[in-house]
Amino acid sequence: MQLPPELRNAIARQLEGVSRNLLSERAARISAHYRNGGGSAHALRDDLDALAYAVARMPATYAAVRNVLARFPERLPALSPVTILDLGAGPGTASWAAADAWPAISSITQLDSNALLLDLGRKLSASAMSGPLREARVVQTSLPTPLPHSADLILLSYTLAEMAAPDIRALLTSAWTSCAGALAIIEPGTPAGYERILLARNLLIEQGAKILAPCPHHQPCPLVAPDWCHFAQRVQRSRDHMLLKSADVPWEDEKFSYLIAVRDSLFTPAANARILAQPQITKAGITAKLCRLDGHAEFVQIPKRDPAAFKAMKKKDWGDEA
């Protein structure tokens, strides 16, 4: 997966005349800042920092969000959100993914505390084909905060990592109150990211939310540390992306954890288990790790001697319904 052509072109225009060596230095400093537990408020000091961040991170975050949004047609094919709230929007990455998933969206509101990223987002969306993306309402504010209106779909993409647990709970409560349809939360696919997803899952279930994905049940998560629930999306790198990442291969795998919660009126119970790891093909058949409808996780064997089941599982991927 890669960024939409219009977004790639918009980034390329912002890169005109910019020293790639300087951009690479900025990206390395920002990356080190985040690895040491810092947030965007201190990591990004000027427009060039914001651009370096976007070139380095937008392809992967877009790919993860777009992967998650592609799960809606599997479980909720009738959903066609009209209004979007993008919380912690940064340069608008999740908004781009939503506009690609649902071209009929009529309005997008983006909230973030970082003026540099919001300003870059305005520049990038100025030439978007999507009118609601070009005309998105952009609000600079710290989260949690009272939300400006309700929305059919609320996005929290890579937003919770910089927040303390009480603020996460306050934001999730506010987001669910304002959610008219679905709430999608995407976090880095690390044990810490998964813990935030678990916190969100527990809180939302307490507030009456139904979990659409990835969980096929509402029982406690069956995974036990050091295991954790996460998925992966392969991302195609541009030349500039490879430079900023000091990469030798033209792709990377973005690992992410996620949760989709919906209002009870939209919910239909899952009919299939969720594949929790890349299925492994052996001489005897396929081994798949599944999260089952009854709330248990297990490895299952699909033997080659069952050709129909083997053929069906061979088409499946990590994160699919079994």
C-alpha atoms as a PDB file:
ATOM      1  CA  MET A   1       0.000   0.000   0.000  1.00  0.00           C
ATOM      2  CA  GLN A   2       1.085   3.578  -0.607  1.00  0.00           C
ATOM      3  CA  LEU A   3      -0.275   7.088  -0.250  1.00  0.00           C
ATOM      4  CA  PRO A   4      -2.889   8.222  -2.801  1.00  0.00           C
ATOM      5  CA  PRO A   5      -1.277   9.856  -5.882  1.00  0.00           C
ATOM      6  CA  GLU A   6      -2.714  13.291  -5.087  1.00  0.00           C
ATOM      7  CA  LEU A   7      -1.253  13.166  -1.561  1.00  0.00           C
ATOM      8  CA  ARG A   8       2.117  11.970  -2.853  1.00  0.00           C
ATOM      9  CA  ASN A   9       2.115  14.850  -5.342  1.00  0.00           C
ATOM     10  CA  ALA A  10       1.164  17.348  -2.631  1.00  0.00           C
ATOM     11  CA  ILE A  11       4.065  16.179  -0.459  1.00  0.00           C
ATOM     12  CA  ALA A  12       6.416  16.356  -3.463  1.00  0.00           C
ATOM     13  CA  ARG A  13       5.440  20.003  -3.989  1.00  0.00           C
ATOM     14  CA  GLN A  14       6.266  20.779  -0.367  1.00  0.00           C
ATOM     15  CA  LEU A  15       9.659  19.103  -0.844  1.00  0.00           C
ATOM     16  CA  GLU A  16      10.679  21.280  -3.787  1.00  0.00           C
ATOM     17  CA  GLY A  17      13.941  23.049  -2.974  1.00  0.00           C
ATOM     18  CA  VAL A  18      14.310  21.324   0.403  1.00  0.00           C
ATOM     19  CA  SER A  19      17.693  19.809   1.243  1.00  0.00           C
ATOM     20  CA  ARG A  20      17.222  16.063   1.637  1.00  0.00           C
ATOM     21  CA  ASN A  21      20.235  15.848   3.944  1.00  0.00           C
ATOM     22  CA  LEU A  22      18.766  18.473   6.242  1.00  0.00           C
ATOM     23  CA  LEU A  23      15.395  16.759   6.099  1.00  0.00           C
ATOM     24  CA  SER A  24      17.027  13.454   7.003  1.00  0.00           C
ATOM     25  CA  GLU A  25      18.779  15.052   9.982  1.00  0.00           C
ATOM     26  CA  ARG A  26      15.475  16.483  11.189  1.00  0.00           C
ATOM     27  CA  ALA A  27      13.719  13.127  10.810  1.00  0.00           C
ATOM     28  CA  ALA A  28      16.464  11.352  12.790  1.00  0.00           C
ATOM     29  CA  ARG A  29      16.244  13.888  15.623  1.00  0.00           C
ATOM     30  CA  ILE A  30      12.437  13.623  15.743  1.00  0.00           C
ATOM     31  CA  SER A  31      12.569   9.837  15.736  1.00  0.00           C
ATOM     32  CA  ALA A  32      15.057   9.827  18.609  1.00  0.00           C
ATOM     33  CA  HIS A  33      12.818  12.227  20.530  1.00  0.00           C
ATOM     34  CA  TYR A  34       9.813   9.914  20.175  1.00  0.00           C
ATOM     35  CA  ARG A  35      11.847   6.826  21.091  1.00  0.00           C
ATOM     36  CA  ASN A  36      12.827   8.580  24.325  1.00  0.00           C
ATOM     37  CA  GLY A  37       9.179   9.111  25.221  1.00  0.00           C
ATOM     38  CA  GLY A  38       8.766  12.680  23.984  1.00  0.00           C
ATOM     39  CA  GLY A  39       5.690  14.087  22.276  1.00  0.00           C
ATOM     40  CA  SER A  40       5.043  16.170  19.179  1.00  0.00           C
ATOM     41  CA  ALA A  41       4.737  19.411  21.161  1.00  0.00           C
ATOM     42  CA  HIS A  42       8.507  19.455  21.713  1.00  0.00           C
ATOM     43  CA  ALA A  43       9.633  17.259  18.810  1.00  0.00           C
ATOM     44  CA  LEU A  44       8.457  19.631  16.077  1.00  0.00           C
ATOM     45  CA  ARG A  45       9.989  23.101  16.174  1.00  0.00           C
ATOM     46  CA  ASP A  46       9.244  24.535  12.725  1.00  0.00           C
ATOM     47  CA  ASP A  47       7.700  23.836   9.306  1.00  0.00           C
ATOM     48  CA  LEU A  48      10.682  21.746   8.183  1.00  0.00           C
ATOM     49  CA  ASP A  49      10.304  19.484  11.205  1.00  0.00           C
ATOM     50  CA  ALA A  50       6.628  19.011  10.376  1.00  0.00           C
ATOM     51  CA  LEU A  51       7.500  18.136   6.784  1.00  0.00           C
ATOM     52  CA  ALA A  52      10.188  15.660   7.894  1.00  0.00           C
ATOM     53  CA  TYR A  53       7.683  14.024  10.235  1.00  0.00           C
ATOM     54  CA  ALA A  54       5.103  13.773   7.446  1.00  0.00           C
ATOM     55  CA  VAL A  55       7.502  12.240   4.929  1.00  0.00           C
ATOM     56  CA  ALA A  56       8.743   9.722   7.490  1.00  0.00           C
ATOM     57  CA  ARG A  57       5.433   8.746   9.110  1.00  0.00           C
ATOM     58  CA  MET A  58       2.451   9.544   6.861  1.00  0.00           C
ATOM     59  CA  PRO A  59       2.882   6.516   4.531  1.00  0.00           C
ATOM     60  CA  ALA A  60       2.825   4.026   7.414  1.00  0.00           C
ATOM     61  CA  THR A  61       0.064   5.678   9.445  1.00  0.00           C
ATOM     62  CA  TYR A  62      -2.083   6.084   6.330  1.00  0.00           C
ATOM     63  CA  ALA A  63      -1.590   2.404   5.475  1.00  0.00           C
ATOM     64  CA  ALA A  64      -2.555   1.264   8.983  1.00  0.00           C
ATOM     65  CA  VAL A  65      -5.677   3.437   9.094  1.00  0.00           C
ATOM     66  CA  ARG A  66      -6.727   2.409   5.582  1.00  0.00           C
ATOM     67  CA  ASN A  67      -6.303  -1.244   6.560  1.00  0.00           C
ATOM     68  CA  VAL A  68      -8.581  -0.731   9.562  1.00  0.00           C
ATOM     69  CA  LEU A  69     -11.221   1.130   7.546  1.00  0.00           C
ATOM     70  CA  ALA A  70     -11.239  -1.742   5.064  1.00  0.00           C
ATOM     71  CA  ARG A  71     -12.567  -3.953   7.888  1.00  0.00           C
ATOM     72  CA  PHE A  72     -15.871  -2.064   7.914  1.00  0.00           C
ATOM     73  CA  PRO A  73     -17.198  -3.615   4.678  1.00  0.00           C
ATOM     74  CA  GLU A  74     -16.459  -7.085   6.088  1.00  0.00           C
ATOM     75  CA  ARG A  75     -18.555  -6.544   9.190  1.00  0.00           C
ATOM     76  CA  LEU A  76     -20.753  -3.546   8.388  1.00  0.00           C
ATOM     77  CA  PRO A  77     -21.174  -3.244   4.599  1.00  0.00           C
ATOM     78  CA  ALA A  78     -24.108  -0.844   4.875  1.00  0.00           C
ATOM     79  CA  LEU A  79     -22.105   1.802   6.748  1.00  0.00           C
ATOM     80  CA  SER A  80     -21.679   4.994   4.742  1.00  0.00           C
ATOM     81  CA  PRO A  81     -20.552   7.758   7.113  1.00  0.00           C
ATOM     82  CA  VAL A  82     -21.323  11.317   6.120  1.00  0.00           C
ATOM     83  CA  THR A  83     -19.653  13.247   8.936  1.00  0.00           C
ATOM     84  CA  ILE A  84     -16.119  12.598  10.266  1.00  0.00           C
ATOM     85  CA  LEU A  85     -14.355  13.764  13.428  1.00  0.00           C
ATOM     86  CA  ASP A  86     -10.579  13.214  13.231  1.00  0.00           C
ATOM     87  CA  LEU A  87      -9.191  13.607  16.768  1.00  0.00           C
ATOM     88  CA  GLY A  88      -5.445  14.135  17.055  1.00  0.00           C
ATOM     89  CA  ALA A  89      -5.489  14.646  13.314  1.00  0.00           C
ATOM     90  CA  GLY A  90      -1.909  15.870  12.853  1.00  0.00           C
ATOM     91  CA  PRO A  91      -1.436  16.558   9.110  1.00  0.00           C
ATOM     92  CA  GLY A  92      -4.759  14.883   8.334  1.00  0.00           C
ATOM     93  CA  THR A  93      -3.539  11.374   7.568  1.00  0.00           C
ATOM     94  CA  ALA A  94      -6.619   9.540   8.859  1.00  0.00           C
ATOM     95  CA  SER A  95      -8.904  12.024   7.095  1.00  0.00           C
ATOM     96  CA  TRP A  96      -7.237  11.151   3.787  1.00  0.00           C
ATOM     97  CA  ALA A  97      -7.814   7.456   4.490  1.00  0.00           C
ATOM     98  CA  ALA A  98     -11.489   8.052   5.342  1.00  0.00           C
ATOM     99  CA  ALA A  99     -12.039  10.151   2.213  1.00  0.00           C
ATOM    100  CA  ASP A 100     -10.550   7.333   0.153  1.00  0.00           C
ATOM    101  CA  ALA A 101     -12.716   4.702   1.862  1.00  0.00           C
ATOM    102  CA  TRP A 102     -15.973   6.674   1.588  1.00  0.00           C
ATOM    103  CA  PRO A 103     -16.016   9.265  -1.225  1.00  0.00           C
ATOM    104  CA  ALA A 104     -19.570  10.285  -0.233  1.00  0.00           C
ATOM    105  CA  ILE A 105     -18.380  11.883   3.029  1.00  0.00           C
ATOM    106  CA  SER A 106     -19.795  15.411   3.262  1.00  0.00           C
ATOM    107  CA  SER A 107     -17.846  16.982   6.138  1.00  0.00           C
ATOM    108  CA  ILE A 108     -14.585  16.454   8.013  1.00  0.00           C
ATOM    109  CA  THR A 109     -13.527  18.152  11.264  1.00  0.00           C
ATOM    110  CA  GLN A 110      -9.924  17.818  12.431  1.00  0.00           C
ATOM    111  CA  LEU A 111      -8.701  18.540  15.963  1.00  0.00           C
ATOM    112  CA  ASP A 112      -5.088  18.667  17.089  1.00  0.00           C
ATOM    113  CA  SER A 113      -2.921  20.740  19.410  1.00  0.00           C
ATOM    114  CA  ASN A 114       0.032  21.037  17.014  1.00  0.00           C
ATOM    115  CA  ALA A 115      -0.278  24.122  14.819  1.00  0.00           C
ATOM    116  CA  LEU A 116       2.652  23.079  12.610  1.00  0.00           C
ATOM    117  CA  LEU A 117       1.071  19.767  11.641  1.00  0.00           C
ATOM    118  CA  LEU A 118      -2.351  21.323  11.142  1.00  0.00           C
ATOM    119  CA  ASP A 119      -0.868  23.978   8.867  1.00  0.00           C
ATOM    120  CA  LEU A 120       0.936  21.345   6.823  1.00  0.00           C
ATOM    121  CA  GLY A 121      -2.302  19.383   6.620  1.00  0.00           C
ATOM    122  CA  ARG A 122      -4.066  22.423   5.145  1.00  0.00           C
ATOM    123  CA  LYS A 123      -1.366  22.757   2.492  1.00  0.00           C
ATOM    124  CA  LEU A 124      -1.499  19.064   1.592  1.00  0.00           C
ATOM    125  CA  SER A 125      -5.285  18.948   1.330  1.00  0.00           C
ATOM    126  CA  ALA A 126      -5.570  22.143  -0.733  1.00  0.00           C
ATOM    127  CA  SER A 127      -5.359  20.168  -3.973  1.00  0.00           C
ATOM    128  CA  ALA A 128      -7.256  17.053  -2.810  1.00  0.00           C
ATOM    129  CA  MET A 129      -9.953  15.724  -5.118  1.00  0.00           C
ATOM    130  CA  SER A 130     -12.268  15.365  -2.121  1.00  0.00           C
ATOM    131  CA  GLY A 131     -14.152  18.604  -1.456  1.00  0.00           C
ATOM    132  CA  PRO A 132     -14.763  17.794   2.235  1.00  0.00           C
ATOM    133  CA  LEU A 133     -11.026  17.137   2.616  1.00  0.00           C
ATOM    134  CA  ARG A 134     -10.117  20.458   0.961  1.00  0.00           C
ATOM    135  CA  GLU A 135     -12.691  22.278   3.077  1.00  0.00           C
ATOM    136  CA  ALA A 136     -12.133  20.407   6.342  1.00  0.00           C
ATOM    137  CA  ARG A 137     -12.814  22.381   9.503  1.00  0.00           C
ATOM    138  CA  VAL A 138      -9.481  22.549  11.332  1.00  0.00           C
ATOM    139  CA  VAL A 139      -9.457  23.278  15.069  1.00  0.00           C
ATOM    140  CA  GLN A 140      -6.294  23.759  17.115  1.00  0.00           C
ATOM    141  CA  THR A 141      -7.008  22.507  20.620  1.00  0.00           C
ATOM    142  CA  SER A 142      -5.572  20.200  23.233  1.00  0.00           C
ATOM    143  CA  LEU A 143      -7.251  16.871  23.900  1.00  0.00           C
ATOM    144  CA  PRO A 144      -9.342  15.962  25.784  1.00  0.00           C
ATOM    145  CA  THR A 145     -11.752  18.800  25.097  1.00  0.00           C
ATOM    146  CA  PRO A 146     -15.497  19.139  24.526  1.00  0.00           C
ATOM    147  CA  LEU A 147     -16.059  18.029  20.943  1.00  0.00           C
ATOM    148  CA  PRO A 148     -17.647  20.466  18.493  1.00  0.00           C
ATOM    149  CA  HIS A 149     -20.409  18.135  17.280  1.00  0.00           C
ATOM    150  CA  SER A 150     -21.395  14.511  16.898  1.00  0.00           C
ATOM    151  CA  ALA A 151     -20.248  12.483  13.889  1.00  0.00           C
ATOM    152  CA  ASP A 152     -21.059   9.269  12.079  1.00  0.00           C
ATOM    153  CA  LEU A 153     -17.419   8.170  12.319  1.00  0.00           C
ATOM    154  CA  ILE A 154     -14.852   9.299  14.872  1.00  0.00           C
ATOM    155  CA  LEU A 155     -11.170   8.551  14.261  1.00  0.00           C
ATOM    156  CA  LEU A 156      -8.465   8.338  16.929  1.00  0.00           C
ATOM    157  CA  SER A 157      -5.356   7.529  14.931  1.00  0.00           C
ATOM    158  CA  TYR A 158      -2.026   7.263  16.800  1.00  0.00           C
ATOM    159  CA  THR A 159      -3.439   9.780  19.280  1.00  0.00           C
ATOM    160  CA  LEU A 160      -3.518   8.126  22.708  1.00  0.00           C
ATOM    161  CA  ALA A 161       0.227   7.454  23.059  1.00  0.00           C
ATOM    162  CA  GLU A 162       1.021  10.988  24.211  1.00  0.00           C
ATOM    163  CA  MET A 163      -1.773  11.100  26.804  1.00  0.00           C
ATOM    164  CA  ALA A 164      -1.935  10.065  30.459  1.00  0.00           C
ATOM    165  CA  ALA A 165      -4.459   7.373  31.408  1.00  0.00           C
ATOM    166  CA  PRO A 166      -7.000   9.803  32.973  1.00  0.00           C
ATOM    167  CA  ASP A 167      -6.926  11.964  29.825  1.00  0.00           C
ATOM    168  CA  ILE A 168      -7.324   8.870  27.648  1.00  0.00           C
ATOM    169  CA  ARG A 169     -10.422   7.897  29.619  1.00  0.00           C
ATOM    170  CA  ALA A 170     -11.826  11.428  29.380  1.00  0.00           C
ATOM    171  CA  LEU A 171     -11.204  11.576  25.626  1.00  0.00           C
ATOM    172  CA  LEU A 172     -12.731   8.151  25.001  1.00  0.00           C
ATOM    173  CA  THR A 173     -15.813   9.040  27.051  1.00  0.00           C
ATOM    174  CA  SER A 174     -16.225  12.297  25.121  1.00  0.00           C
ATOM    175  CA  ALA A 175     -15.645  10.574  21.775  1.00  0.00           C
ATOM    176  CA  TRP A 176     -18.176   7.840  22.500  1.00  0.00           C
ATOM    177  CA  THR A 177     -20.757  10.392  23.646  1.00  0.00           C
ATOM    178  CA  SER A 178     -20.305  12.225  20.332  1.00  0.00           C
ATOM    179  CA  CYS A 179     -20.253   9.056  18.249  1.00  0.00           C
ATOM    180  CA  ALA A 180     -23.422   8.609  16.194  1.00  0.00           C
ATOM    181  CA  GLY A 181     -22.180   5.459  14.497  1.00  0.00           C
ATOM    182  CA  ALA A 182     -18.652   4.103  14.762  1.00  0.00           C
ATOM    183  CA  LEU A 183     -15.424   4.891  16.623  1.00  0.00           C
ATOM    184  CA  ALA A 184     -12.119   3.619  15.181  1.00  0.00           C
ATOM    185  CA  ILE A 185      -8.968   3.668  17.323  1.00  0.00           C
ATOM    186  CA  ILE A 186      -5.541   2.873  15.867  1.00  0.00           C
ATOM    187  CA  GLU A 187      -2.363   2.649  17.936  1.00  0.00           C
ATOM    188  CA  PRO A 188       1.200   1.433  17.307  1.00  0.00           C
ATOM    189  CA  GLY A 189       1.386  -2.362  17.274  1.00  0.00           C
ATOM    190  CA  THR A 190       3.532  -2.553  20.393  1.00  0.00           C
ATOM    191  CA  PRO A 191       2.703  -4.014  23.813  1.00  0.00           C
ATOM    192  CA  ALA A 192       2.163  -0.460  25.076  1.00  0.00           C
ATOM    193  CA  GLY A 193      -0.122   0.370  22.160  1.00  0.00           C
ATOM    194  CA  TYR A 194      -2.087  -2.818  22.778  1.00  0.00           C
ATOM    195  CA  GLU A 195      -2.483  -1.887  26.465  1.00  0.00           C
ATOM    196  CA  ARG A 196      -4.078   1.400  25.418  1.00  0.00           C
ATOM    197  CA  ILE A 197      -6.400  -0.499  23.088  1.00  0.00           C
ATOM    198  CA  LEU A 198      -7.354  -2.793  25.967  1.00  0.00           C
ATOM    199  CA  LEU A 199      -8.050   0.227  28.179  1.00  0.00           C
ATOM    200  CA  ALA A 200     -10.282   1.648  25.441  1.00  0.00           C
ATOM    201  CA  ARG A 201     -12.025  -1.695  24.890  1.00  0.00           C
ATOM    202  CA  ASN A 202     -12.888  -2.125  28.564  1.00  0.00           C
ATOM    203  CA  LEU A 203     -14.101   1.448  28.982  1.00  0.00           C
ATOM    204  CA  LEU A 204     -16.221   1.420  25.825  1.00  0.00           C
ATOM    205  CA  ILE A 205     -17.855  -1.908  26.671  1.00  0.00           C
ATOM    206  CA  GLU A 206     -18.722  -0.475  30.105  1.00  0.00           C
ATOM    207  CA  GLN A 207     -20.408   2.434  28.308  1.00  0.00           C
ATOM    208  CA  GLY A 208     -22.528   0.166  26.133  1.00  0.00           C
ATOM    209  CA  ALA A 209     -20.418   0.052  22.976  1.00  0.00           C
ATOM    210  CA  LYS A 210     -20.360  -3.032  20.775  1.00  0.00           C
ATOM    211  CA  ILE A 211     -16.983  -4.202  19.479  1.00  0.00           C
ATOM    212  CA  LEU A 212     -17.090  -4.748  15.733  1.00  0.00           C
ATOM    213  CA  ALA A 213     -13.428  -5.638  15.165  1.00  0.00           C
ATOM    214  CA  PRO A 214     -10.931  -7.114  15.558  1.00  0.00           C
ATOM    215  CA  CYS A 215     -12.504  -8.989  18.479  1.00  0.00           C
ATOM    216  CA  PRO A 216     -15.217 -11.487  17.450  1.00  0.00           C
ATOM    217  CA  HIS A 217     -16.571 -11.461  21.029  1.00  0.00           C
ATOM    218  CA  HIS A 218     -16.987  -9.262  24.111  1.00  0.00           C
ATOM    219  CA  GLN A 219     -15.193 -11.569  26.544  1.00  0.00           C
ATOM    220  CA  PRO A 220     -11.859 -10.534  28.138  1.00  0.00           C
ATOM    221  CA  CYS A 221      -8.964 -10.646  25.686  1.00  0.00           C
ATOM    222  CA  PRO A 222      -7.574 -14.208  25.774  1.00  0.00           C
ATOM    223  CA  LEU A 223      -3.977 -13.236  24.985  1.00  0.00           C
ATOM    224  CA  VAL A 224      -1.471 -13.353  27.838  1.00  0.00           C
ATOM    225  CA  ALA A 225       1.799 -11.393  27.988  1.00  0.00           C
ATOM    226  CA  PRO A 226       4.269 -11.478  26.374  1.00  0.00           C
ATOM    227  CA  ASP A 227       1.738 -12.063  23.574  1.00  0.00           C
ATOM    228  CA  TRP A 228      -0.365  -9.133  22.376  1.00  0.00           C
ATOM    229  CA  CYS A 229      -2.939  -8.416  19.664  1.00  0.00           C
ATOM    230  CA  HIS A 230      -1.512  -6.575  16.672  1.00  0.00           C
ATOM    231  CA  PHE A 231      -1.544  -6.666  12.890  1.00  0.00           C
ATOM    232  CA  ALA A 232       0.665  -5.515  10.015  1.00  0.00           C
ATOM    233  CA  GLN A 233       0.367  -3.661   6.723  1.00  0.00           C
ATOM    234  CA  ARG A 234       3.117  -3.574   4.112  1.00  0.00           C
ATOM    235  CA  VAL A 235       3.971  -0.039   2.990  1.00  0.00           C
ATOM    236  CA  GLN A 236       5.662   0.910  -0.259  1.00  0.00           C
ATOM    237  CA  ARG A 237       8.431   3.457   0.305  1.00  0.00           C
ATOM    238  CA  SER A 238       9.241   6.415  -1.901  1.00  0.00           C
ATOM    239  CA  ARG A 239      12.854   7.455  -2.545  1.00  0.00           C
ATOM    240  CA  ASP A 240      12.556  10.258   0.016  1.00  0.00           C
ATOM    241  CA  HIS A 241      10.959   7.912   2.531  1.00  0.00           C
ATOM    242  CA  MET A 242      13.863   5.479   2.142  1.00  0.00           C
ATOM    243  CA  LEU A 243      16.351   8.324   2.585  1.00  0.00           C
ATOM    244  CA  LEU A 244      14.748   9.581   5.785  1.00  0.00           C
ATOM    245  CA  LYS A 245      14.514   6.048   7.173  1.00  0.00           C
ATOM    246  CA  SER A 246      18.071   5.142   6.065  1.00  0.00           C
ATOM    247  CA  ALA A 247      16.406   2.121   4.463  1.00  0.00           C
ATOM    248  CA  ASP A 248      17.803  -0.363   1.959  1.00  0.00           C
ATOM    249  CA  VAL A 249      14.528  -2.005   0.885  1.00  0.00           C
ATOM    250  CA  PRO A 250      11.595  -0.238  -0.839  1.00  0.00           C
ATOM    251  CA  TRP A 251       9.007  -1.368   1.717  1.00  0.00           C
ATOM    252  CA  GLU A 252       8.325  -1.660   5.430  1.00  0.00           C
ATOM    253  CA  ASP A 253       5.753  -3.450   7.553  1.00  0.00           C
ATOM    254  CA  GLU A 254       3.786  -1.124   9.798  1.00  0.00           C
ATOM    255  CA  LYS A 255       2.544  -2.966  12.877  1.00  0.00           C
ATOM    256  CA  PHE A 256      -0.555  -1.600  14.554  1.00  0.00           C
ATOM    257  CA  SER A 257      -3.282  -2.447  17.062  1.00  0.00           C
ATOM    258  CA  TYR A 258      -6.833  -1.246  16.627  1.00  0.00           C
ATOM    259  CA  LEU A 259     -10.410  -1.300  17.835  1.00  0.00           C
ATOM    260  CA  ILE A 260     -13.702  -0.531  16.099  1.00  0.00           C
ATOM    261  CA  ALA A 261     -16.669   0.188  18.377  1.00  0.00           C
ATOM    262  CA  VAL A 262     -20.193   0.819  17.109  1.00  0.00           C
ATOM    263  CA  ARG A 263     -23.602   1.760  18.400  1.00  0.00           C
ATOM    264  CA  ASP A 264     -25.846  -1.157  19.252  1.00  0.00           C
ATOM    265  CA  SER A 265     -28.215  -0.321  16.360  1.00  0.00           C
ATOM    266  CA  LEU A 266     -25.396  -0.996  13.858  1.00  0.00           C
ATOM    267  CA  PHE A 267     -24.026  -4.144  15.460  1.00  0.00           C
ATOM    268  CA  THR A 268     -24.278  -7.680  14.097  1.00  0.00           C
ATOM    269  CA  PRO A 269     -22.410 -10.439  15.989  1.00  0.00           C
ATOM    270  CA  ALA A 270     -19.361 -11.864  14.259  1.00  0.00           C
ATOM    271  CA  ALA A 271     -19.832 -15.137  12.399  1.00  0.00           C
ATOM    272  CA  ASN A 272     -16.145 -16.009  12.103  1.00  0.00           C
ATOM    273  CA  ALA A 273     -12.965 -16.062  14.158  1.00  0.00           C
ATOM    274  CA  ARG A 274     -10.185 -13.480  13.602  1.00  0.00           C
ATOM    275  CA  ILE A 275      -6.740 -14.520  12.323  1.00  0.00           C
ATOM    276  CA  LEU A 276      -4.177 -13.180  14.809  1.00  0.00           C
ATOM    277  CA  ALA A 277      -0.942 -13.972  12.947  1.00  0.00           C
ATOM    278  CA  GLN A 278       0.264 -14.751   9.452  1.00  0.00           C
ATOM    279  CA  PRO A 279      -0.979 -18.294   8.614  1.00  0.00           C
ATOM    280  CA  GLN A 280       1.925 -20.697   8.150  1.00  0.00           C
ATOM    281  CA  ILE A 281       1.892 -23.156   5.254  1.00  0.00           C
ATOM    282  CA  THR A 282       3.637 -26.493   5.878  1.00  0.00           C
ATOM    283  CA  LYS A 283       3.874 -29.755   3.984  1.00  0.00           C
ATOM    284  CA  ALA A 284       0.917 -31.063   5.965  1.00  0.00           C
ATOM    285  CA  GLY A 285      -1.339 -28.019   5.670  1.00  0.00           C
ATOM    286  CA  ILE A 286      -1.808 -24.582   7.241  1.00  0.00           C
ATOM    287  CA  THR A 287      -1.406 -23.521  10.863  1.00  0.00           C
ATOM    288  CA  ALA A 288      -3.477 -20.491  11.859  1.00  0.00           C
ATOM    289  CA  LYS A 289      -3.728 -18.599  15.140  1.00  0.00           C
ATOM    290  CA  LEU A 290      -7.352 -17.635  15.783  1.00  0.00           C
ATOM    291  CA  CYS A 291      -9.350 -15.526  18.216  1.00  0.00           C
ATOM    292  CA  ARG A 292     -12.579 -17.535  18.431  1.00  0.00           C
ATOM    293  CA  LEU A 293     -16.201 -16.523  18.863  1.00  0.00           C
ATOM    294  CA  ASP A 294     -16.266 -18.060  22.349  1.00  0.00           C
ATOM    295  CA  GLY A 295     -13.501 -15.756  23.617  1.00  0.00           C
ATOM    296  CA  HIS A 296     -10.611 -18.215  23.409  1.00  0.00           C
ATOM    297  CA  ALA A 297      -7.472 -18.062  21.280  1.00  0.00           C
ATOM    298  CA  GLU A 298      -5.928 -21.159  19.764  1.00  0.00           C
ATOM    299  CA  PHE A 299      -3.800 -22.536  16.955  1.00  0.00           C
ATOM    300  CA  VAL A 300      -5.719 -24.644  14.451  1.00  0.00           C
ATOM    301  CA  GLN A 301      -4.462 -27.017  11.764  1.00  0.00           C
ATOM    302  CA  ILE A 302      -6.089 -27.111   8.339  1.00  0.00           C
ATOM    303  CA  PRO A 303      -4.796 -30.257   6.631  1.00  0.00           C
ATOM    304  CA  LYS A 304      -4.213 -30.558   2.900  1.00  0.00           C
ATOM    305  CA  ARG A 305      -6.393 -33.622   2.932  1.00  0.00           C
ATOM    306  CA  ASP A 306      -9.345 -31.239   3.439  1.00  0.00           C
ATOM    307  CA  PRO A 307      -8.943 -29.429   0.082  1.00  0.00           C
ATOM    308  CA  ALA A 308     -11.907 -27.079   0.441  1.00  0.00           C
ATOM    309  CA  ALA A 309     -10.880 -25.799   3.876  1.00  0.00           C
ATOM    310  CA  PHE A 310      -7.206 -25.662   2.861  1.00  0.00           C
ATOM    311  CA  LYS A 311      -7.976 -23.639  -0.279  1.00  0.00           C
ATOM    312  CA  ALA A 312     -10.172 -21.223   1.669  1.00  0.00           C
ATOM    313  CA  MET A 313      -7.565 -20.621   4.391  1.00  0.00           C
ATOM    314  CA  LYS A 314      -4.781 -20.231   1.818  1.00  0.00           C
ATOM    315  CA  LYS A 315      -6.560 -17.096   0.582  1.00  0.00           C
ATOM    316  CA  LYS A 316      -6.646 -15.584   4.052  1.00  0.00           C
ATOM    317  CA  ASP A 317      -4.170 -13.137   5.553  1.00  0.00           C
ATOM    318  CA  TRP A 318      -3.174 -11.877   8.988  1.00  0.00           C
ATOM    319  CA  GLY A 319      -6.095  -9.840  10.328  1.00  0.00           C
ATOM    320  CA  ASP A 320      -8.789 -11.413   8.130  1.00  0.00           C
ATOM    321  CA  GLU A 321     -11.854 -13.231   9.385  1.00  0.00           C
ATOM    322  CA  ALA A 322     -11.257 -16.977   9.189  1.00  0.00           C
END
